[in-house]
């Protein structure tokens, strides 16, 4: 083999290994990003659960005719709408459209949403 051919072959192998390492790095970053998105979804869902329970408690155990209670209910409803929106936007960032493992299924989220809006 000529020297130029050997150098070309060696450069090709180096390029191949660098390309493979870069692809693995990109895959790692994508997986890391997905893990962070799923963690964010868990946090948002926990906040929704807590706020929805609080809202339901206000609606059922407190005098809903008092101004302070009505204001607290409106505040919680506004926060919940924002959190549901954030949940949906964050879920859209996932590569899959199915519910994430460990997260509530869409049916549960819909039931919870309907409960929050009083239906």
PDB file of N, CA and C in Angstrom:
ATOM      1  N   UNK A   1       0.832  -1.175   0.000  1.00  0.00           N
ATOM      2  CA  UNK A   1       0.000   0.000   0.000  1.00  0.00           C
ATOM      3  C   UNK A   1       0.876   1.237   0.000  1.00  0.00           C
ATOM      4  N   UNK A   2       0.469   2.204  -0.757  1.00  0.00           N
ATOM      5  CA  UNK A   2       1.222   3.448  -0.795  1.00  0.00           C
ATOM      6  C   UNK A   2       0.967   4.247   0.465  1.00  0.00           C
ATOM      7  N   UNK A   3       1.866   5.175   0.743  1.00  0.00           N
ATOM      8  CA  UNK A   3       1.763   5.997   1.939  1.00  0.00           C
ATOM      9  C   UNK A   3       0.508   6.856   1.914  1.00  0.00           C
ATOM     10  N   UNK A   4       0.174   7.441   0.760  1.00  0.00           N
ATOM     11  CA  UNK A   4      -1.026   8.284   0.653  1.00  0.00           C
ATOM     12  C   UNK A   4      -2.290   7.477   0.909  1.00  0.00           C
ATOM     13  N   UNK A   5      -2.335   6.258   0.427  1.00  0.00           N
ATOM     14  CA  UNK A   5      -3.494   5.401   0.629  1.00  0.00           C
ATOM     15  C   UNK A   5      -3.639   5.066   2.106  1.00  0.00           C
ATOM     16  N   UNK A   6      -2.517   4.790   2.770  1.00  0.00           N
ATOM     17  CA  UNK A   6      -2.552   4.476   4.197  1.00  0.00           C
ATOM     18  C   UNK A   6      -3.018   5.703   4.998  1.00  0.00           C
ATOM     19  N   UNK A   7      -2.529   6.861   4.633  1.00  0.00           N
ATOM     20  CA  UNK A   7      -2.926   8.091   5.326  1.00  0.00           C
ATOM     21  C   UNK A   7      -4.412   8.352   5.120  1.00  0.00           C
ATOM     22  N   UNK A   8      -4.872   8.169   3.886  1.00  0.00           N
ATOM     23  CA  UNK A   8      -6.297   8.363   3.592  1.00  0.00           C
ATOM     24  C   UNK A   8      -7.164   7.394   4.397  1.00  0.00           C
ATOM     25  N   UNK A   9      -6.721   6.149   4.476  1.00  0.00           N
ATOM     26  CA  UNK A   9      -7.452   5.149   5.230  1.00  0.00           C
ATOM     27  C   UNK A   9      -7.482   5.511   6.722  1.00  0.00           C
ATOM     28  N   UNK A  10      -6.326   5.927   7.238  1.00  0.00           N
ATOM     29  CA  UNK A  10      -6.238   6.320   8.635  1.00  0.00           C
ATOM     30  C   UNK A  10      -7.134   7.530   8.921  1.00  0.00           C
ATOM     31  N   UNK A  11      -7.119   8.522   8.041  1.00  0.00           N
ATOM     32  CA  UNK A  11      -7.978   9.696   8.209  1.00  0.00           C
ATOM     33  C   UNK A  11      -9.454   9.317   8.145  1.00  0.00           C
ATOM     34  N   UNK A  12      -9.776   8.402   7.268  1.00  0.00           N
ATOM     35  CA  UNK A  12     -11.164   7.935   7.169  1.00  0.00           C
ATOM     36  C   UNK A  12     -11.606   7.254   8.460  1.00  0.00           C
ATOM     37  N   UNK A  13     -10.727   6.423   9.032  1.00  0.00           N
ATOM     38  CA  UNK A  13     -11.056   5.758  10.294  1.00  0.00           C
ATOM     39  C   UNK A  13     -11.212   6.770  11.428  1.00  0.00           C
ATOM     40  N   UNK A  14     -10.333   7.737  11.492  1.00  0.00           N
ATOM     41  CA  UNK A  14     -10.430   8.771  12.523  1.00  0.00           C
ATOM     42  C   UNK A  14     -11.737   9.542  12.372  1.00  0.00           C
ATOM     43  N   UNK A  15     -12.066   9.922  11.139  1.00  0.00           N
ATOM     44  CA  UNK A  15     -13.311  10.647  10.886  1.00  0.00           C
ATOM     45  C   UNK A  15     -14.522   9.818  11.294  1.00  0.00           C
ATOM     46  N   UNK A  16     -14.481   8.519  10.962  1.00  0.00           N
ATOM     47  CA  UNK A  16     -15.583   7.621  11.311  1.00  0.00           C
ATOM     48  C   UNK A  16     -15.764   7.570  12.830  1.00  0.00           C
ATOM     49  N   UNK A  17     -14.668   7.407  13.570  1.00  0.00           N
ATOM     50  CA  UNK A  17     -14.753   7.322  15.025  1.00  0.00           C
ATOM     51  C   UNK A  17     -15.227   8.636  15.634  1.00  0.00           C
ATOM     52  N   UNK A  18     -14.778   9.754  15.102  1.00  0.00           N
ATOM     53  CA  UNK A  18     -15.243  11.041  15.599  1.00  0.00           C
ATOM     54  C   UNK A  18     -16.727  11.231  15.332  1.00  0.00           C
ATOM     55  N   UNK A  19     -17.177  10.824  14.163  1.00  0.00           N
ATOM     56  CA  UNK A  19     -18.595  10.932  13.815  1.00  0.00           C
ATOM     57  C   UNK A  19     -19.446  10.064  14.734  1.00  0.00           C
ATOM     58  N   UNK A  20     -18.981   8.844  15.000  1.00  0.00           N
ATOM     59  CA  UNK A  20     -19.717   7.951  15.895  1.00  0.00           C
ATOM     60  C   UNK A  20     -19.758   8.515  17.319  1.00  0.00           C
ATOM     61  N   UNK A  21     -18.658   9.077  17.784  1.00  0.00           N
ATOM     62  CA  UNK A  21     -18.616   9.656  19.126  1.00  0.00           C
ATOM     63  C   UNK A  21     -19.567  10.842  19.215  1.00  0.00           C
ATOM     64  N   UNK A  22     -19.620  11.641  18.156  1.00  0.00           N
ATOM     65  CA  UNK A  22     -20.532  12.787  18.132  1.00  0.00           C
ATOM     66  C   UNK A  22     -21.987  12.325  18.141  1.00  0.00           C
ATOM     67  N   UNK A  23     -22.296  11.278  17.390  1.00  0.00           N
ATOM     68  CA  UNK A  23     -23.662  10.743  17.354  1.00  0.00           C
ATOM     69  C   UNK A  23     -24.063  10.223  18.734  1.00  0.00           C
ATOM     70  N   UNK A  24     -23.134   9.525  19.410  1.00  0.00           N
ATOM     71  CA  UNK A  24     -23.435   9.027  20.755  1.00  0.00           C
ATOM     72  C   UNK A  24     -23.646  10.185  21.715  1.00  0.00           C
ATOM     73  N   UNK A  25     -22.856  11.233  21.562  1.00  0.00           N
ATOM     74  CA  UNK A  25     -22.996  12.414  22.413  1.00  0.00           C
ATOM     75  C   UNK A  25     -24.350  13.080  22.194  1.00  0.00           C
ATOM     76  N   UNK A  26     -24.770  13.212  20.929  1.00  0.00           N
ATOM     77  CA  UNK A  26     -26.085  13.788  20.626  1.00  0.00           C
ATOM     78  C   UNK A  26     -27.197  12.949  21.216  1.00  0.00           C
ATOM     79  N   UNK A  27     -27.070  11.622  21.105  1.00  0.00           N
ATOM     80  CA  UNK A  27     -28.087  10.727  21.659  1.00  0.00           C
ATOM     81  C   UNK A  27     -28.139  10.881  23.176  1.00  0.00           C
ATOM     82  N   UNK A  28     -26.978  10.993  23.817  1.00  0.00           N
ATOM     83  CA  UNK A  28     -26.934  11.181  25.265  1.00  0.00           C
ATOM     84  C   UNK A  28     -27.628  12.487  25.651  1.00  0.00           C
ATOM     85  N   UNK A  29     -27.355  13.564  24.910  1.00  0.00           N
ATOM     86  CA  UNK A  29     -27.981  14.849  25.203  1.00  0.00           C
ATOM     87  C   UNK A  29     -29.486  14.783  25.011  1.00  0.00           C
ATOM     88  N   UNK A  30     -29.937  14.088  23.956  1.00  0.00           N
ATOM     89  CA  UNK A  30     -31.378  13.937  23.731  1.00  0.00           C
ATOM     90  C   UNK A  30     -32.021  13.158  24.870  1.00  0.00           C
ATOM     91  N   UNK A  31     -31.371  12.082  25.320  1.00  0.00           N
ATOM     92  CA  UNK A  31     -31.906  11.295  26.431  1.00  0.00           C
ATOM     93  C   UNK A  31     -31.932  12.126  27.710  1.00  0.00           C
ATOM     94  N   UNK A  32     -30.864  12.893  27.932  1.00  0.00           N
ATOM     95  CA  UNK A  32     -30.795  13.744  29.124  1.00  0.00           C
ATOM     96  C   UNK A  32     -31.901  14.795  29.087  1.00  0.00           C
ATOM     97  N   UNK A  33     -32.132  15.357  27.915  1.00  0.00           N
ATOM     98  CA  UNK A  33     -33.182  16.364  27.745  1.00  0.00           C
ATOM     99  C   UNK A  33     -34.553  15.750  28.032  1.00  0.00           C
ATOM    100  N   UNK A  34     -34.781  14.553  27.527  1.00  0.00           N
ATOM    101  CA  UNK A  34     -36.062  13.880  27.754  1.00  0.00           C
ATOM    102  C   UNK A  34     -36.267  13.568  29.233  1.00  0.00           C
ATOM    103  N   UNK A  35     -35.216  13.168  29.912  1.00  0.00           N
ATOM    104  CA  UNK A  35     -35.307  12.889  31.347  1.00  0.00           C
ATOM    105  C   UNK A  35     -35.687  14.165  32.097  1.00  0.00           C
ATOM    106  N   UNK A  36     -35.069  15.283  31.728  1.00  0.00           N
ATOM    107  CA  UNK A  36     -35.393  16.556  32.381  1.00  0.00           C
ATOM    108  C   UNK A  36     -36.839  16.975  32.105  1.00  0.00           C
ATOM    109  N   UNK A  37     -37.311  16.744  30.890  1.00  0.00           N
ATOM    110  CA  UNK A  37     -38.703  17.073  30.555  1.00  0.00           C
ATOM    111  C   UNK A  37     -39.650  16.223  31.391  1.00  0.00           C
ATOM    112  N   UNK A  38     -39.353  14.936  31.517  1.00  0.00           N
ATOM    113  CA  UNK A  38     -40.208  14.046  32.316  1.00  0.00           C
ATOM    114  C   UNK A  38     -40.211  14.453  33.792  1.00  0.00           C
ATOM    115  N   UNK A  39     -39.058  14.865  34.301  1.00  0.00           N
ATOM    116  CA  UNK A  39     -39.009  15.348  35.690  1.00  0.00           C
ATOM    117  C   UNK A  39     -39.881  16.594  35.849  1.00  0.00           C
ATOM    118  N   UNK A  40     -39.788  17.483  34.868  1.00  0.00           N
ATOM    119  CA  UNK A  40     -40.613  18.688  34.903  1.00  0.00           C
ATOM    120  C   UNK A  40     -42.092  18.353  34.882  1.00  0.00           C
ATOM    121  N   UNK A  41     -42.455  17.354  34.089  1.00  0.00           N
ATOM    122  CA  UNK A  41     -43.855  16.923  34.040  1.00  0.00           C
ATOM    123  C   UNK A  41     -44.316  16.389  35.394  1.00  0.00           C
ATOM    124  N   UNK A  42     -43.450  15.630  36.045  1.00  0.00           N
ATOM    125  CA  UNK A  42     -43.803  15.109  37.372  1.00  0.00           C
ATOM    126  C   UNK A  42     -44.041  16.245  38.365  1.00  0.00           C
ATOM    127  N   UNK A  43     -43.181  17.260  38.313  1.00  0.00           N
ATOM    128  CA  UNK A  43     -43.315  18.397  39.231  1.00  0.00           C
ATOM    129  C   UNK A  43     -44.610  19.156  38.952  1.00  0.00           C
ATOM    130  N   UNK A  44     -44.870  19.434  37.678  1.00  0.00           N
ATOM    131  CA  UNK A  44     -46.091  20.167  37.314  1.00  0.00           C
ATOM    132  C   UNK A  44     -47.323  19.391  37.742  1.00  0.00           C
ATOM    133  N   UNK A  45     -47.321  18.073  37.500  1.00  0.00           N
ATOM    134  CA  UNK A  45     -48.477  17.255  37.863  1.00  0.00           C
ATOM    135  C   UNK A  45     -48.685  17.253  39.374  1.00  0.00           C
ATOM    136  N   UNK A  46     -47.605  17.209  40.131  1.00  0.00           N
ATOM    137  CA  UNK A  46     -47.730  17.257  41.595  1.00  0.00           C
ATOM    138  C   UNK A  46     -48.337  18.583  42.038  1.00  0.00           C
ATOM    139  N   UNK A  47     -47.897  19.675  41.425  1.00  0.00           N
ATOM    140  CA  UNK A  47     -48.444  20.981  41.767  1.00  0.00           C
ATOM    141  C   UNK A  47     -49.930  21.061  41.406  1.00  0.00           C
ATOM    142  N   UNK A  48     -50.304  20.470  40.278  1.00  0.00           N
ATOM    143  CA  UNK A  48     -51.713  20.447  39.873  1.00  0.00           C
ATOM    144  C   UNK A  48     -52.529  19.651  40.884  1.00  0.00           C
ATOM    145  N   UNK A  49     -52.025  18.490  41.284  1.00  0.00           N
ATOM    146  CA  UNK A  49     -52.744  17.653  42.247  1.00  0.00           C
ATOM    147  C   UNK A  49     -52.991  18.401  43.561  1.00  0.00           C
ATOM    148  N   UNK A  50     -51.961  19.051  44.064  1.00  0.00           N
ATOM    149  CA  UNK A  50     -52.088  19.780  45.332  1.00  0.00           C
ATOM    150  C   UNK A  50     -53.084  20.929  45.195  1.00  0.00           C
ATOM    151  N   UNK A  51     -52.956  21.696  44.128  1.00  0.00           N
ATOM    152  CA  UNK A  51     -53.847  22.843  43.936  1.00  0.00           C
ATOM    153  C   UNK A  51     -55.285  22.406  43.686  1.00  0.00           C
ATOM    154  N   UNK A  52     -55.473  21.320  42.939  1.00  0.00           N
ATOM    155  CA  UNK A  52     -56.825  20.821  42.663  1.00  0.00           C
ATOM    156  C   UNK A  52     -57.486  20.337  43.951  1.00  0.00           C
ATOM    157  N   UNK A  53     -56.723  19.655  44.801  1.00  0.00           N
ATOM    158  CA  UNK A  53     -57.269  19.212  46.089  1.00  0.00           C
ATOM    159  C   UNK A  53     -57.647  20.408  46.955  1.00  0.00           C
ATOM    160  N   UNK A  54     -56.791  21.413  46.961  1.00  0.00           N
ATOM    161  CA  UNK A  54     -57.070  22.638  47.740  1.00  0.00           C
ATOM    162  C   UNK A  54     -58.332  23.323  47.221  1.00  0.00           C
ATOM    163  N   UNK A  55     -58.452  23.410  45.894  1.00  0.00           N
ATOM    164  CA  UNK A  55     -59.632  24.035  45.289  1.00  0.00           C
ATOM    165  C   UNK A  55     -60.901  23.269  45.647  1.00  0.00           C
ATOM    166  N   UNK A  56     -60.824  21.963  45.540  1.00  0.00           N
ATOM    167  CA  UNK A  56     -61.994  21.151  45.879  1.00  0.00           C
ATOM    168  C   UNK A  56     -62.374  21.328  47.341  1.00  0.00           C
ATOM    169  N   UNK A  57     -61.361  21.418  48.214  1.00  0.00           N
ATOM    170  CA  UNK A  57     -61.620  21.652  49.630  1.00  0.00           C
ATOM    171  C   UNK A  57     -62.298  22.994  49.862  1.00  0.00           C
ATOM    172  N   UNK A  58     -61.842  24.028  49.182  1.00  0.00           N
ATOM    173  CA  UNK A  58     -62.473  25.350  49.317  1.00  0.00           C
ATOM    174  C   UNK A  58     -63.920  25.315  48.841  1.00  0.00           C
ATOM    175  N   UNK A  59     -64.151  24.613  47.747  1.00  0.00           N
ATOM    176  CA  UNK A  59     -65.502  24.569  47.177  1.00  0.00           C
ATOM    177  C   UNK A  59     -66.471  23.778  48.049  1.00  0.00           C
ATOM    178  N   UNK A  60     -65.960  22.784  48.771  1.00  0.00           N
ATOM    179  CA  UNK A  60     -66.867  21.891  49.497  1.00  0.00           C
ATOM    180  C   UNK A  60     -66.960  22.183  50.987  1.00  0.00           C
ATOM    181  N   UNK A  61     -65.895  22.668  51.612  1.00  0.00           N
ATOM    182  CA  UNK A  61     -65.925  22.833  53.069  1.00  0.00           C
ATOM    183  C   UNK A  61     -66.031  24.276  53.528  1.00  0.00           C
ATOM    184  N   UNK A  62     -65.780  25.229  52.659  1.00  0.00           N
ATOM    185  CA  UNK A  62     -65.825  26.644  53.064  1.00  0.00           C
ATOM    186  C   UNK A  62     -67.101  27.305  52.561  1.00  0.00           C
ATOM    187  N   UNK A  63     -67.436  28.409  53.181  1.00  0.00           N
ATOM    188  CA  UNK A  63     -68.570  29.211  52.748  1.00  0.00           C
ATOM    189  C   UNK A  63     -68.149  29.940  51.466  1.00  0.00           C
ATOM    190  N   UNK A  64     -68.674  29.499  50.359  1.00  0.00           N
ATOM    191  CA  UNK A  64     -68.247  30.056  49.068  1.00  0.00           C
ATOM    192  C   UNK A  64     -68.850  31.420  48.782  1.00  0.00           C
ATOM    193  N   UNK A  65     -69.677  31.938  49.680  1.00  0.00           N
ATOM    194  CA  UNK A  65     -70.288  33.250  49.468  1.00  0.00           C
ATOM    195  C   UNK A  65     -69.430  34.386  50.012  1.00  0.00           C
ATOM    196  N   UNK A  66     -68.417  34.057  50.818  1.00  0.00           N
ATOM    197  CA  UNK A  66     -67.560  35.122  51.344  1.00  0.00           C
ATOM    198  C   UNK A  66     -66.586  35.583  50.259  1.00  0.00           C
ATOM    199  N   UNK A  67     -66.277  36.863  50.295  1.00  0.00           N
ATOM    200  CA  UNK A  67     -65.414  37.459  49.268  1.00  0.00           C
ATOM    201  C   UNK A  67     -64.018  36.837  49.271  1.00  0.00           C
ATOM    202  N   UNK A  68     -63.464  36.603  50.451  1.00  0.00           N
ATOM    203  CA  UNK A  68     -62.122  36.039  50.548  1.00  0.00           C
ATOM    204  C   UNK A  68     -62.055  34.643  49.945  1.00  0.00           C
ATOM    205  N   UNK A  69     -63.057  33.821  50.221  1.00  0.00           N
ATOM    206  CA  UNK A  69     -63.100  32.467  49.662  1.00  0.00           C
ATOM    207  C   UNK A  69     -63.258  32.520  48.150  1.00  0.00           C
ATOM    208  N   UNK A  70     -64.130  33.386  47.659  1.00  0.00           N
ATOM    209  CA  UNK A  70     -64.304  33.521  46.209  1.00  0.00           C
ATOM    210  C   UNK A  70     -63.008  33.965  45.540  1.00  0.00           C
ATOM    211  N   UNK A  71     -62.302  34.882  46.182  1.00  0.00           N
ATOM    212  CA  UNK A  71     -61.035  35.361  45.622  1.00  0.00           C
ATOM    213  C   UNK A  71     -59.998  34.237  45.594  1.00  0.00           C
ATOM    214  N   UNK A  72     -59.936  33.455  46.669  1.00  0.00           N
ATOM    215  CA  UNK A  72     -58.994  32.332  46.723  1.00  0.00           C
ATOM    216  C   UNK A  72     -59.336  31.287  45.660  1.00  0.00           C
ATOM    217  N   UNK A  73     -60.616  31.023  45.460  1.00  0.00           N
ATOM    218  CA  UNK A  73     -61.047  30.063  44.430  1.00  0.00           C
ATOM    219  C   UNK A  73     -60.631  30.563  43.050  1.00  0.00           C
ATOM    220  N   UNK A  74     -60.883  31.834  42.767  1.00  0.00           N
ATOM    221  CA  UNK A  74     -60.492  32.395  41.457  1.00  0.00           C
ATOM    222  C   UNK A  74     -58.977  32.334  41.255  1.00  0.00           C
ATOM    223  N   UNK A  75     -58.234  32.620  42.314  1.00  0.00           N
ATOM    224  CA  UNK A  75     -56.768  32.562  42.219  1.00  0.00           C
ATOM    225  C   UNK A  75     -56.294  31.150  41.914  1.00  0.00           C
ATOM    226  N   UNK A  76     -56.848  30.168  42.625  1.00  0.00           N
ATOM    227  CA  UNK A  76     -56.465  28.772  42.372  1.00  0.00           C
ATOM    228  C   UNK A  76     -56.873  28.319  40.974  1.00  0.00           C
ATOM    229  N   UNK A  77     -58.061  28.717  40.531  1.00  0.00           N
ATOM    230  CA  UNK A  77     -58.501  28.347  39.185  1.00  0.00           C
ATOM    231  C   UNK A  77     -57.549  28.919  38.129  1.00  0.00           C
ATOM    232  N   UNK A  78     -57.132  30.164  38.314  1.00  0.00           N
ATOM    233  CA  UNK A  78     -56.202  30.786  37.371  1.00  0.00           C
ATOM    234  C   UNK A  78     -54.866  30.052  37.353  1.00  0.00           C
ATOM    235  N   UNK A  79     -54.357  29.736  38.545  1.00  0.00           N
ATOM    236  CA  UNK A  79     -53.094  29.004  38.637  1.00  0.00           C
ATOM    237  C   UNK A  79     -53.202  27.640  37.976  1.00  0.00           C
ATOM    238  N   UNK A  80     -54.321  26.969  38.188  1.00  0.00           N
ATOM    239  CA  UNK A  80     -54.504  25.638  37.612  1.00  0.00           C
ATOM    240  C   UNK A  80     -54.577  25.686  36.092  1.00  0.00           C
ATOM    241  N   UNK A  81     -55.239  26.683  35.544  1.00  0.00           N
ATOM    242  CA  UNK A  81     -55.301  26.818  34.084  1.00  0.00           C
ATOM    243  C   UNK A  81     -53.887  26.985  33.528  1.00  0.00           C
ATOM    244  N   UNK A  82     -53.086  27.809  34.195  1.00  0.00           N
ATOM    245  CA  UNK A  82     -51.701  28.021  33.754  1.00  0.00           C
ATOM    246  C   UNK A  82     -50.887  26.735  33.861  1.00  0.00           C
ATOM    247  N   UNK A  83     -51.077  26.001  34.964  1.00  0.00           N
ATOM    248  CA  UNK A  83     -50.316  24.760  35.145  1.00  0.00           C
ATOM    249  C   UNK A  83     -50.733  23.691  34.137  1.00  0.00           C
ATOM    250  N   UNK A  84     -52.037  23.584  33.849  1.00  0.00           N
ATOM    251  CA  UNK A  84     -52.484  22.626  32.834  1.00  0.00           C
ATOM    252  C   UNK A  84     -51.900  22.996  31.479  1.00  0.00           C
ATOM    253  N   UNK A  85     -51.869  24.272  31.168  1.00  0.00           N
ATOM    254  CA  UNK A  85     -51.287  24.728  29.904  1.00  0.00           C
ATOM    255  C   UNK A  85     -49.806  24.381  29.838  1.00  0.00           C
ATOM    256  N   UNK A  86     -49.104  24.637  30.924  1.00  0.00           N
ATOM    257  CA  UNK A  86     -47.679  24.320  30.974  1.00  0.00           C
ATOM    258  C   UNK A  86     -47.448  22.818  30.833  1.00  0.00           C
ATOM    259  N   UNK A  87     -48.313  22.024  31.449  1.00  0.00           N
ATOM    260  CA  UNK A  87     -48.206  20.566  31.343  1.00  0.00           C
ATOM    261  C   UNK A  87     -48.344  20.125  29.887  1.00  0.00           C
ATOM    262  N   UNK A  88     -49.345  20.656  29.201  1.00  0.00           N
ATOM    263  CA  UNK A  88     -49.557  20.268  27.804  1.00  0.00           C
ATOM    264  C   UNK A  88     -48.415  20.723  26.901  1.00  0.00           C
ATOM    265  N   UNK A  89     -47.920  21.921  27.125  1.00  0.00           N
ATOM    266  CA  UNK A  89     -46.801  22.434  26.328  1.00  0.00           C
ATOM    267  C   UNK A  89     -45.556  21.590  26.571  1.00  0.00           C
ATOM    268  N   UNK A  90     -45.312  21.242  27.815  1.00  0.00           N
ATOM    269  CA  UNK A  90     -44.139  20.436  28.148  1.00  0.00           C
ATOM    270  C   UNK A  90     -44.269  19.034  27.572  1.00  0.00           C
ATOM    271  N   UNK A  91     -45.465  18.451  27.642  1.00  0.00           N
ATOM    272  CA  UNK A  91     -45.677  17.113  27.061  1.00  0.00           C
ATOM    273  C   UNK A  91     -45.449  17.112  25.557  1.00  0.00           C
ATOM    274  N   UNK A  92     -45.784  18.225  24.902  1.00  0.00           N
ATOM    275  CA  UNK A  92     -45.594  18.308  23.457  1.00  0.00           C
ATOM    276  C   UNK A  92     -44.118  18.268  23.082  1.00  0.00           C
ATOM    277  N   UNK A  93     -43.229  18.561  24.018  1.00  0.00           N
ATOM    278  CA  UNK A  93     -41.793  18.535  23.752  1.00  0.00           C
ATOM    279  C   UNK A  93     -41.230  17.125  23.732  1.00  0.00           C
ATOM    280  N   UNK A  94     -41.981  16.171  24.268  1.00  0.00           N
ATOM    281  CA  UNK A  94     -41.517  14.783  24.262  1.00  0.00           C
ATOM    282  C   UNK A  94     -41.599  14.209  22.860  1.00  0.00           C
ATOM    283  N   UNK A  95     -40.669  13.335  22.510  1.00  0.00           N
ATOM    284  CA  UNK A  95     -40.699  12.749  21.169  1.00  0.00           C
ATOM    285  C   UNK A  95     -41.903  11.845  20.940  1.00  0.00           C
ATOM    286  N   UNK A  96     -42.429  11.260  22.002  1.00  0.00           N
ATOM    287  CA  UNK A  96     -43.592  10.383  21.871  1.00  0.00           C
ATOM    288  C   UNK A  96     -44.842  11.153  22.262  1.00  0.00           C
ATOM    289  N   UNK A  97     -45.947  10.780  21.697  1.00  0.00           N
ATOM    290  CA  UNK A  97     -47.201  11.458  22.003  1.00  0.00           C
ATOM    291  C   UNK A  97     -48.018  10.702  23.043  1.00  0.00           C
ATOM    292  N   UNK A  98     -47.594   9.510  23.393  1.00  0.00           N
ATOM    293  CA  UNK A  98     -48.307   8.731  24.402  1.00  0.00           C
ATOM    294  C   UNK A  98     -47.936   9.245  25.784  1.00  0.00           C
ATOM    295  N   UNK A  99     -48.788   9.048  26.782  1.00  0.00           N
ATOM    296  CA  UNK A  99     -48.442   9.488  28.140  1.00  0.00           C
ATOM    297  C   UNK A  99     -47.136   8.848  28.592  1.00  0.00           C
ATOM    298  N   UNK A 100     -46.355   9.588  29.304  1.00  0.00           N
ATOM    299  CA  UNK A 100     -45.072   9.103  29.790  1.00  0.00           C
ATOM    300  C   UNK A 100     -45.270   8.081  30.893  1.00  0.00           C
ATOM    301  N   UNK A 101     -44.336   7.166  30.983  1.00  0.00           N
ATOM    302  CA  UNK A 101     -44.400   6.158  32.036  1.00  0.00           C
ATOM    303  C   UNK A 101     -44.319   6.860  33.382  1.00  0.00           C
ATOM    304  N   UNK A 102     -45.194   6.507  34.277  1.00  0.00           N
ATOM    305  CA  UNK A 102     -45.191   7.104  35.598  1.00  0.00           C
ATOM    306  C   UNK A 102     -46.028   8.370  35.692  1.00  0.00           C
ATOM    307  N   UNK A 103     -46.542   8.838  34.579  1.00  0.00           N
ATOM    308  CA  UNK A 103     -47.390  10.027  34.599  1.00  0.00           C
ATOM    309  C   UNK A 103     -48.830   9.605  34.386  1.00  0.00           C
ATOM    310  N   UNK A 104     -49.770  10.390  34.858  1.00  0.00           N
ATOM    311  CA  UNK A 104     -51.174  10.021  34.675  1.00  0.00           C
ATOM    312  C   UNK A 104     -51.545   9.983  33.191  1.00  0.00           C
ATOM    313  N   UNK A 105     -52.422   9.094  32.863  1.00  0.00           N
ATOM    314  CA  UNK A 105     -52.888   8.997  31.480  1.00  0.00           C
ATOM    315  C   UNK A 105     -53.751  10.197  31.136  1.00  0.00           C
ATOM    316  N   UNK A 106     -53.918  10.442  29.855  1.00  0.00           N
ATOM    317  CA  UNK A 106     -54.678  11.595  29.401  1.00  0.00           C
ATOM    318  C   UNK A 106     -56.101  11.580  29.952  1.00  0.00           C
ATOM    319  N   UNK A 107     -56.707  10.419  30.082  1.00  0.00           N
ATOM    320  CA  UNK A 107     -58.060  10.326  30.629  1.00  0.00           C
ATOM    321  C   UNK A 107     -58.133  10.866  32.047  1.00  0.00           C
ATOM    322  N   UNK A 108     -57.131  10.545  32.855  1.00  0.00           N
ATOM    323  CA  UNK A 108     -57.099  11.059  34.234  1.00  0.00           C
ATOM    324  C   UNK A 108     -56.928  12.569  34.240  1.00  0.00           C
ATOM    325  N   UNK A 109     -56.069  13.074  33.358  1.00  0.00           N
ATOM    326  CA  UNK A 109     -55.860  14.517  33.292  1.00  0.00           C
ATOM    327  C   UNK A 109     -57.152  15.214  32.874  1.00  0.00           C
ATOM    328  N   UNK A 110     -57.866  14.633  31.945  1.00  0.00           N
ATOM    329  CA  UNK A 110     -59.123  15.222  31.486  1.00  0.00           C
ATOM    330  C   UNK A 110     -60.148  15.242  32.608  1.00  0.00           C
ATOM    331  N   UNK A 111     -60.254  14.133  33.349  1.00  0.00           N
ATOM    332  CA  UNK A 111     -61.181  14.089  34.490  1.00  0.00           C
ATOM    333  C   UNK A 111     -60.804  15.143  35.526  1.00  0.00           C
ATOM    334  N   UNK A 112     -59.514  15.267  35.771  1.00  0.00           N
ATOM    335  CA  UNK A 112     -59.064  16.253  36.750  1.00  0.00           C
ATOM    336  C   UNK A 112     -59.371  17.665  36.250  1.00  0.00           C
ATOM    337  N   UNK A 113     -59.155  17.914  34.971  1.00  0.00           N
ATOM    338  CA  UNK A 113     -59.451  19.224  34.389  1.00  0.00           C
ATOM    339  C   UNK A 113     -60.933  19.542  34.523  1.00  0.00           C
ATOM    340  N   UNK A 114     -61.794  18.587  34.207  1.00  0.00           N
ATOM    341  CA  UNK A 114     -63.235  18.809  34.308  1.00  0.00           C
ATOM    342  C   UNK A 114     -63.658  19.066  35.750  1.00  0.00           C
ATOM    343  N   UNK A 115     -63.007  18.387  36.693  1.00  0.00           N
ATOM    344  CA  UNK A 115     -63.298  18.620  38.109  1.00  0.00           C
ATOM    345  C   UNK A 115     -62.884  20.037  38.515  1.00  0.00           C
ATOM    346  N   UNK A 116     -61.735  20.479  38.012  1.00  0.00           N
ATOM    347  CA  UNK A 116     -61.237  21.824  38.349  1.00  0.00           C
ATOM    348  C   UNK A 116     -62.171  22.902  37.832  1.00  0.00           C
ATOM    349  N   UNK A 117     -62.666  22.735  36.611  1.00  0.00           N
ATOM    350  CA  UNK A 117     -63.536  23.770  36.037  1.00  0.00           C
ATOM    351  C   UNK A 117     -64.977  23.613  36.493  1.00  0.00           C
ATOM    352  N   UNK A 118     -65.222  22.651  37.380  1.00  0.00           N
ATOM    353  CA  UNK A 118     -66.548  22.537  37.995  1.00  0.00           C
ATOM    354  C   UNK A 118     -67.564  21.762  37.179  1.00  0.00           C
ATOM    355  N   UNK A 119     -67.119  20.853  36.378  1.00  0.00           N
ATOM    356  CA  UNK A 119     -68.064  20.045  35.585  1.00  0.00           C
ATOM    357  C   UNK A 119     -68.096  18.621  36.091  1.00  0.00           C
TER     358      UNK A 119
END
